[in-house]
């Protein structure tokens, strides 16, 4: 009986995508944000997603947060998941230099290639600041890279929960402040973003590289 009203339980539906190398803590950040829990998780296979409801600015939001696999062998699976994302969270591990380098070498290029929203909000996240003694990527480097890419920036720790809530809240606030993304979010009720398009519709993009 409540199925029809269930469709109207939120004002906006936003799709957020988490990208970055395997092992940087994407799944742990997501788990920390959605369930207030921390676990050392095994690598994501393909893609996973979680839903989180939150109130912001007097509006009830439904966040569909997609957590993508970082391993090379799953890279081809992820291109279609960029479609329709209003926010993209690029995560690196402050204790592993290559995870930071790969954001500019690999991930930022993928965003340019596959993102369908020109106004899509990007957030650069340096994770694992609880391991300060092992840090190899300075905060200033993160700030400079974020400025260069036009991203928001934050450092956090899924383990100690430092800045995890703020990471998602800042991203969502920026989306709420972007008229074109807000318009898309309000249409989310009418379309099912959990279902990917048919393989045929992907033919136009599958030909490149």
Foldseek 3Di string as FASTA:
>chain_A
DCVVVVLVPFQFEAEEEEAFAWPLCQVLLVCCQAPVDGDRDDFDDAKDWDWHWDDDPNTIYIYIYMYGGRDPVNVVSCLLVLERHQEYEYEGEQLDPVRVVCCVVPVLVSCVQRHPDPNRAYEYEHEDCVVVVRGDHDPVNQVVVCVVSVHHYDYYYSVVGGCSNVRVVVNVVVLVVDVVSRVSGSCCSVDPSVDGDDPVVCVVPVPDD
